[in-house]
N, C-alpha and C. Protein backbone atom coordinates (compact mmCIF):
# COMPACT_ATOMS: atom_id res chain seq x y z
N MET A 1 0.86 -1.17 0.00
CA MET A 1 0.00 0.00 0.00
C MET A 1 0.90 1.24 0.00
N THR A 2 0.57 2.18 -0.83
CA THR A 2 1.38 3.40 -0.89
C THR A 2 1.12 4.26 0.33
N ARG A 3 2.05 5.16 0.58
CA ARG A 3 1.91 6.04 1.75
C ARG A 3 0.65 6.90 1.64
N LEU A 4 0.34 7.39 0.45
CA LEU A 4 -0.84 8.23 0.25
C LEU A 4 -2.11 7.46 0.59
N ARG A 5 -2.20 6.20 0.18
CA ARG A 5 -3.38 5.40 0.50
C ARG A 5 -3.53 5.19 2.00
N ARG A 6 -2.39 4.94 2.68
CA ARG A 6 -2.46 4.77 4.13
C ARG A 6 -2.96 6.03 4.81
N MET A 7 -2.51 7.18 4.34
CA MET A 7 -2.96 8.46 4.91
C MET A 7 -4.45 8.63 4.70
N ALA A 8 -4.96 8.30 3.51
CA ALA A 8 -6.39 8.43 3.23
C ALA A 8 -7.20 7.53 4.15
N ARG A 9 -6.70 6.35 4.42
CA ARG A 9 -7.41 5.42 5.30
C ARG A 9 -7.46 5.96 6.72
N ILE A 10 -6.38 6.52 7.20
CA ILE A 10 -6.34 7.08 8.54
C ILE A 10 -7.31 8.25 8.66
N ILE A 11 -7.34 9.12 7.69
CA ILE A 11 -8.25 10.26 7.71
C ILE A 11 -9.70 9.79 7.71
N ALA A 12 -10.00 8.80 6.91
CA ALA A 12 -11.37 8.28 6.86
C ALA A 12 -11.75 7.65 8.19
N THR A 13 -10.83 7.00 8.85
CA THR A 13 -11.09 6.38 10.14
C THR A 13 -11.36 7.43 11.21
N MET A 14 -10.62 8.52 11.20
CA MET A 14 -10.76 9.56 12.21
C MET A 14 -12.11 10.26 12.13
N ALA A 15 -12.74 10.32 11.00
CA ALA A 15 -13.96 11.08 10.80
C ALA A 15 -15.23 10.30 11.13
N ARG A 16 -15.13 9.17 11.80
CA ARG A 16 -16.31 8.34 12.07
C ARG A 16 -17.25 8.92 13.12
N HIS A 17 -16.75 9.64 14.09
CA HIS A 17 -17.60 10.21 15.13
C HIS A 17 -18.30 11.45 14.60
N PRO A 18 -19.59 11.57 14.85
CA PRO A 18 -20.27 12.80 14.43
C PRO A 18 -19.76 13.98 15.26
N PRO A 19 -19.81 15.17 14.70
CA PRO A 19 -19.34 16.33 15.47
C PRO A 19 -20.24 16.62 16.66
N PHE A 20 -19.68 17.28 17.65
CA PHE A 20 -20.47 17.73 18.79
C PHE A 20 -21.36 18.88 18.35
N ALA A 21 -22.57 18.92 18.85
CA ALA A 21 -23.46 20.06 18.60
C ALA A 21 -23.01 21.21 19.48
N LEU A 22 -23.05 22.42 18.96
CA LEU A 22 -22.69 23.61 19.72
C LEU A 22 -23.96 24.31 20.17
N ILE A 23 -24.19 24.37 21.47
CA ILE A 23 -25.40 24.95 22.03
C ILE A 23 -25.00 26.16 22.86
N TYR A 24 -25.53 27.31 22.50
CA TYR A 24 -25.18 28.56 23.16
C TYR A 24 -26.20 28.91 24.24
N ALA A 25 -25.72 29.29 25.42
CA ALA A 25 -26.60 29.74 26.50
C ALA A 25 -27.22 31.08 26.11
N ARG A 26 -28.33 31.43 26.72
CA ARG A 26 -29.05 32.66 26.39
C ARG A 26 -28.21 33.92 26.47
N GLY A 27 -27.41 34.07 27.48
CA GLY A 27 -26.66 35.29 27.69
C GLY A 27 -25.46 35.48 26.79
N VAL A 28 -25.10 34.48 26.01
CA VAL A 28 -23.90 34.55 25.18
C VAL A 28 -24.00 35.66 24.13
N THR A 29 -25.18 35.93 23.63
CA THR A 29 -25.37 37.01 22.65
C THR A 29 -24.95 38.34 23.26
N LYS A 30 -25.32 38.57 24.51
CA LYS A 30 -24.93 39.79 25.21
C LYS A 30 -23.41 39.83 25.43
N HIS A 31 -22.83 38.69 25.75
CA HIS A 31 -21.39 38.62 25.95
C HIS A 31 -20.66 39.01 24.66
N LEU A 32 -21.12 38.47 23.56
CA LEU A 32 -20.49 38.76 22.27
C LEU A 32 -20.67 40.23 21.88
N ALA A 33 -21.82 40.80 22.20
CA ALA A 33 -22.10 42.20 21.86
C ALA A 33 -21.15 43.16 22.57
N SER A 34 -20.61 42.75 23.71
CA SER A 34 -19.70 43.63 24.45
C SER A 34 -18.26 43.57 23.92
N ILE A 35 -18.01 42.69 22.96
CA ILE A 35 -16.69 42.55 22.34
C ILE A 35 -16.72 43.25 20.99
N ASP A 36 -15.65 43.95 20.65
CA ASP A 36 -15.55 44.67 19.39
C ASP A 36 -15.96 43.76 18.22
N ALA A 37 -16.84 44.25 17.35
CA ALA A 37 -17.40 43.46 16.26
C ALA A 37 -16.35 42.90 15.31
N LYS A 38 -15.21 43.54 15.20
CA LYS A 38 -14.19 43.05 14.27
C LYS A 38 -13.63 41.68 14.71
N HIS A 39 -13.89 41.28 15.94
CA HIS A 39 -13.41 39.98 16.44
C HIS A 39 -14.48 38.89 16.39
N HIS A 40 -15.70 39.21 16.06
CA HIS A 40 -16.79 38.23 16.10
C HIS A 40 -16.54 37.04 15.17
N ARG A 41 -16.06 37.30 13.98
CA ARG A 41 -15.81 36.21 13.03
C ARG A 41 -14.75 35.26 13.58
N LEU A 42 -13.66 35.81 14.11
CA LEU A 42 -12.61 34.99 14.70
C LEU A 42 -13.18 34.13 15.83
N ILE A 43 -13.99 34.71 16.66
CA ILE A 43 -14.57 33.98 17.79
C ILE A 43 -15.44 32.84 17.30
N ARG A 44 -16.32 33.11 16.35
CA ARG A 44 -17.19 32.04 15.80
C ARG A 44 -16.37 30.93 15.17
N GLU A 45 -15.34 31.29 14.39
CA GLU A 45 -14.51 30.28 13.72
C GLU A 45 -13.75 29.42 14.72
N LYS A 46 -13.17 30.05 15.75
CA LYS A 46 -12.40 29.30 16.73
C LYS A 46 -13.29 28.38 17.57
N ILE A 47 -14.49 28.84 17.89
CA ILE A 47 -15.41 27.98 18.64
C ILE A 47 -15.70 26.73 17.82
N LYS A 48 -16.02 26.90 16.57
CA LYS A 48 -16.32 25.76 15.70
C LYS A 48 -15.10 24.86 15.54
N GLU A 49 -13.96 25.46 15.26
CA GLU A 49 -12.72 24.70 15.04
C GLU A 49 -12.29 23.92 16.28
N GLN A 50 -12.37 24.55 17.43
CA GLN A 50 -11.85 23.95 18.66
C GLN A 50 -12.83 23.01 19.36
N LEU A 51 -14.12 23.20 19.16
CA LEU A 51 -15.07 22.48 20.00
C LEU A 51 -15.95 21.46 19.29
N GLN A 52 -15.94 21.41 17.98
CA GLN A 52 -16.84 20.46 17.31
C GLN A 52 -16.37 19.01 17.38
N PHE A 53 -15.07 18.76 17.42
CA PHE A 53 -14.62 17.38 17.31
C PHE A 53 -13.92 16.83 18.56
N GLU A 54 -13.15 17.62 19.27
CA GLU A 54 -12.45 17.11 20.45
C GLU A 54 -12.50 18.12 21.60
N PRO A 55 -13.68 18.49 22.04
CA PRO A 55 -13.77 19.50 23.10
C PRO A 55 -13.28 19.01 24.46
N ASN A 56 -13.11 17.70 24.60
CA ASN A 56 -12.72 17.11 25.87
C ASN A 56 -11.24 16.71 25.92
N VAL A 57 -10.45 17.18 24.95
CA VAL A 57 -9.03 16.87 24.90
C VAL A 57 -8.25 18.12 25.33
N GLU A 58 -7.46 17.98 26.38
CA GLU A 58 -6.67 19.11 26.87
C GLU A 58 -5.53 19.42 25.90
N THR A 59 -5.38 20.70 25.61
CA THR A 59 -4.29 21.18 24.76
C THR A 59 -3.66 22.39 25.44
N ARG A 60 -2.73 23.03 24.75
CA ARG A 60 -2.09 24.21 25.31
C ARG A 60 -3.10 25.32 25.60
N ASN A 61 -4.11 25.46 24.75
CA ASN A 61 -5.09 26.53 24.91
C ASN A 61 -6.50 26.03 25.24
N ARG A 62 -6.63 24.78 25.59
CA ARG A 62 -7.92 24.21 26.01
C ARG A 62 -7.67 23.47 27.31
N LYS A 63 -8.30 23.94 28.37
CA LYS A 63 -8.01 23.39 29.70
C LYS A 63 -9.29 23.11 30.49
N PRO A 64 -9.27 22.05 31.29
CA PRO A 64 -10.37 21.85 32.24
C PRO A 64 -10.22 22.88 33.37
N LEU A 65 -11.32 23.35 33.89
CA LEU A 65 -11.31 24.34 34.97
C LEU A 65 -11.52 23.65 36.31
N ARG A 66 -10.95 24.25 37.34
CA ARG A 66 -11.15 23.73 38.70
C ARG A 66 -12.41 24.36 39.29
N PRO A 67 -13.27 23.54 39.88
CA PRO A 67 -14.47 24.10 40.51
C PRO A 67 -14.12 24.90 41.75
N PRO A 68 -14.86 25.88 42.13
CA PRO A 68 -16.01 26.42 41.39
C PRO A 68 -15.52 27.37 40.30
N ALA A 69 -16.00 27.17 39.10
CA ALA A 69 -15.63 28.00 37.96
C ALA A 69 -16.79 28.92 37.61
N PRO A 70 -16.49 30.07 37.02
CA PRO A 70 -17.57 30.99 36.62
C PRO A 70 -18.56 30.30 35.67
N PHE A 71 -19.83 30.60 35.85
CA PHE A 71 -20.92 30.08 35.02
C PHE A 71 -21.08 28.56 35.13
N GLY A 72 -20.40 27.93 36.07
CA GLY A 72 -20.47 26.48 36.22
C GLY A 72 -19.76 25.73 35.11
N ALA A 73 -18.85 26.41 34.43
CA ALA A 73 -18.13 25.81 33.30
C ALA A 73 -17.13 24.77 33.77
N ALA A 74 -16.93 23.75 32.94
CA ALA A 74 -15.95 22.71 33.24
C ALA A 74 -14.67 22.90 32.42
N TRP A 75 -14.78 23.62 31.28
CA TRP A 75 -13.65 23.79 30.37
C TRP A 75 -13.54 25.23 29.90
N GLU A 76 -12.34 25.56 29.38
CA GLU A 76 -12.07 26.89 28.85
C GLU A 76 -11.16 26.75 27.62
N ILE A 77 -11.44 27.55 26.58
CA ILE A 77 -10.47 27.68 25.49
C ILE A 77 -10.01 29.14 25.46
N ARG A 78 -8.76 29.31 25.05
CA ARG A 78 -8.15 30.64 24.94
C ARG A 78 -7.65 30.80 23.52
N PHE A 79 -7.85 31.99 22.96
CA PHE A 79 -7.40 32.23 21.59
C PHE A 79 -7.40 33.72 21.31
N GLY A 80 -6.98 34.07 20.10
CA GLY A 80 -6.98 35.46 19.67
C GLY A 80 -5.66 36.14 19.95
N PRO A 81 -5.57 37.42 19.60
CA PRO A 81 -4.33 38.16 19.84
C PRO A 81 -3.95 38.12 21.32
N GLY A 82 -2.78 37.59 21.62
CA GLY A 82 -2.34 37.49 23.01
C GLY A 82 -3.21 36.59 23.86
N ASN A 83 -3.92 35.64 23.24
CA ASN A 83 -4.86 34.75 23.96
C ASN A 83 -5.85 35.53 24.80
N ARG A 84 -6.34 36.64 24.27
CA ARG A 84 -7.20 37.51 25.06
C ARG A 84 -8.65 37.05 25.19
N PHE A 85 -9.12 36.19 24.31
CA PHE A 85 -10.51 35.74 24.36
C PHE A 85 -10.62 34.42 25.10
N ARG A 86 -11.72 34.28 25.83
CA ARG A 86 -12.01 33.06 26.58
C ARG A 86 -13.41 32.59 26.26
N VAL A 87 -13.55 31.29 26.07
CA VAL A 87 -14.87 30.67 25.93
C VAL A 87 -14.96 29.63 27.03
N LEU A 88 -15.97 29.77 27.87
CA LEU A 88 -16.21 28.84 28.97
C LEU A 88 -17.35 27.91 28.55
N TYR A 89 -17.14 26.61 28.73
CA TYR A 89 -18.14 25.66 28.25
C TYR A 89 -18.20 24.42 29.12
N ASP A 90 -19.27 23.67 28.91
CA ASP A 90 -19.48 22.40 29.58
C ASP A 90 -19.80 21.35 28.51
N LEU A 91 -19.62 20.09 28.86
CA LEU A 91 -19.81 19.01 27.89
C LEU A 91 -20.93 18.06 28.31
N ASP A 92 -21.63 17.58 27.29
CA ASP A 92 -22.53 16.44 27.44
C ASP A 92 -22.00 15.40 26.47
N GLU A 93 -21.07 14.58 26.95
CA GLU A 93 -20.41 13.62 26.05
C GLU A 93 -21.38 12.58 25.51
N ALA A 94 -22.29 12.12 26.34
CA ALA A 94 -23.25 11.12 25.88
C ALA A 94 -24.14 11.69 24.77
N GLY A 95 -24.57 12.93 24.92
CA GLY A 95 -25.41 13.58 23.91
C GLY A 95 -24.62 14.27 22.82
N ARG A 96 -23.28 14.20 22.91
CA ARG A 96 -22.36 14.84 21.94
C ARG A 96 -22.72 16.31 21.74
N ALA A 97 -22.80 17.03 22.88
CA ALA A 97 -23.13 18.46 22.83
C ALA A 97 -22.14 19.26 23.68
N VAL A 98 -21.80 20.44 23.17
CA VAL A 98 -20.98 21.40 23.90
C VAL A 98 -21.90 22.56 24.25
N HIS A 99 -21.99 22.87 25.53
CA HIS A 99 -22.82 23.99 25.99
C HIS A 99 -21.90 25.18 26.24
N ILE A 100 -21.98 26.17 25.37
CA ILE A 100 -21.16 27.37 25.50
C ILE A 100 -21.86 28.30 26.47
N LEU A 101 -21.21 28.53 27.61
CA LEU A 101 -21.83 29.26 28.70
C LEU A 101 -21.46 30.72 28.76
N ALA A 102 -20.25 31.07 28.28
CA ALA A 102 -19.80 32.46 28.34
C ALA A 102 -18.68 32.70 27.35
N ILE A 103 -18.64 33.93 26.83
CA ILE A 103 -17.55 34.38 25.98
C ILE A 103 -17.05 35.68 26.58
N GLY A 104 -15.76 35.74 26.85
CA GLY A 104 -15.21 36.92 27.50
C GLY A 104 -13.88 37.35 26.92
N GLU A 105 -13.41 38.46 27.47
CA GLU A 105 -12.15 39.04 27.03
C GLU A 105 -11.28 39.27 28.26
N LYS A 106 -10.08 38.75 28.21
CA LYS A 106 -9.14 38.89 29.33
C LYS A 106 -8.41 40.22 29.18
N GLU A 107 -8.42 41.01 30.23
CA GLU A 107 -7.69 42.28 30.28
C GLU A 107 -6.80 42.24 31.51
N GLY A 108 -5.52 41.93 31.29
CA GLY A 108 -4.61 41.76 32.42
C GLY A 108 -5.04 40.57 33.25
N ASN A 109 -5.31 40.78 34.52
CA ASN A 109 -5.76 39.70 35.40
C ASN A 109 -7.27 39.64 35.54
N ARG A 110 -7.98 40.41 34.73
CA ARG A 110 -9.44 40.46 34.82
C ARG A 110 -10.08 39.79 33.62
N LEU A 111 -11.20 39.12 33.84
CA LEU A 111 -11.99 38.55 32.76
C LEU A 111 -13.27 39.36 32.67
N ILE A 112 -13.52 39.95 31.50
CA ILE A 112 -14.71 40.77 31.27
C ILE A 112 -15.68 39.95 30.41
N VAL A 113 -16.86 39.71 30.95
CA VAL A 113 -17.90 38.96 30.24
C VAL A 113 -19.16 39.81 30.24
N GLY A 114 -19.64 40.15 29.05
CA GLY A 114 -20.84 40.96 28.95
C GLY A 114 -20.68 42.33 29.56
N GLY A 115 -19.46 42.87 29.54
CA GLY A 115 -19.20 44.18 30.09
C GLY A 115 -18.98 44.20 31.60
N GLU A 116 -19.04 43.04 32.25
CA GLU A 116 -18.86 42.97 33.70
C GLU A 116 -17.65 42.10 34.04
N GLU A 117 -16.93 42.52 35.07
CA GLU A 117 -15.77 41.75 35.52
C GLU A 117 -16.25 40.50 36.26
N ILE A 118 -15.64 39.36 35.94
CA ILE A 118 -16.01 38.09 36.54
C ILE A 118 -14.88 37.64 37.46
N GLU A 119 -15.21 37.22 38.64
CA GLU A 119 -14.23 36.71 39.60
C GLU A 119 -13.71 35.36 39.14
N LEU A 120 -12.40 35.24 39.07
CA LEU A 120 -11.79 33.96 38.66
C LEU A 120 -11.34 33.14 39.84
């Protein structure tokens, strides 16, 4: 078997699990509105890229949170210029759903969500 065929087989094998559904909490629209509109596209793309297939795998910018976490979130992703954006989420692995609970912007040691500072 050629190397290219082996690669195609591996890719086909990896795609067997359906993607996780992305479910946004009610307040997330307000959270996004408090962030400069020029970043909205980046935020939507990163949420889809980072959370649809392996939201439960820890990476450099995806971490489980220690309780008690803001909004009852179990996980956080960081991205954007200087890792300034945060998405807090919870998982329903059995239902293959990611519940996006908050979107915020880190300013120094403060997390601003919906225009309000959140205690970390």
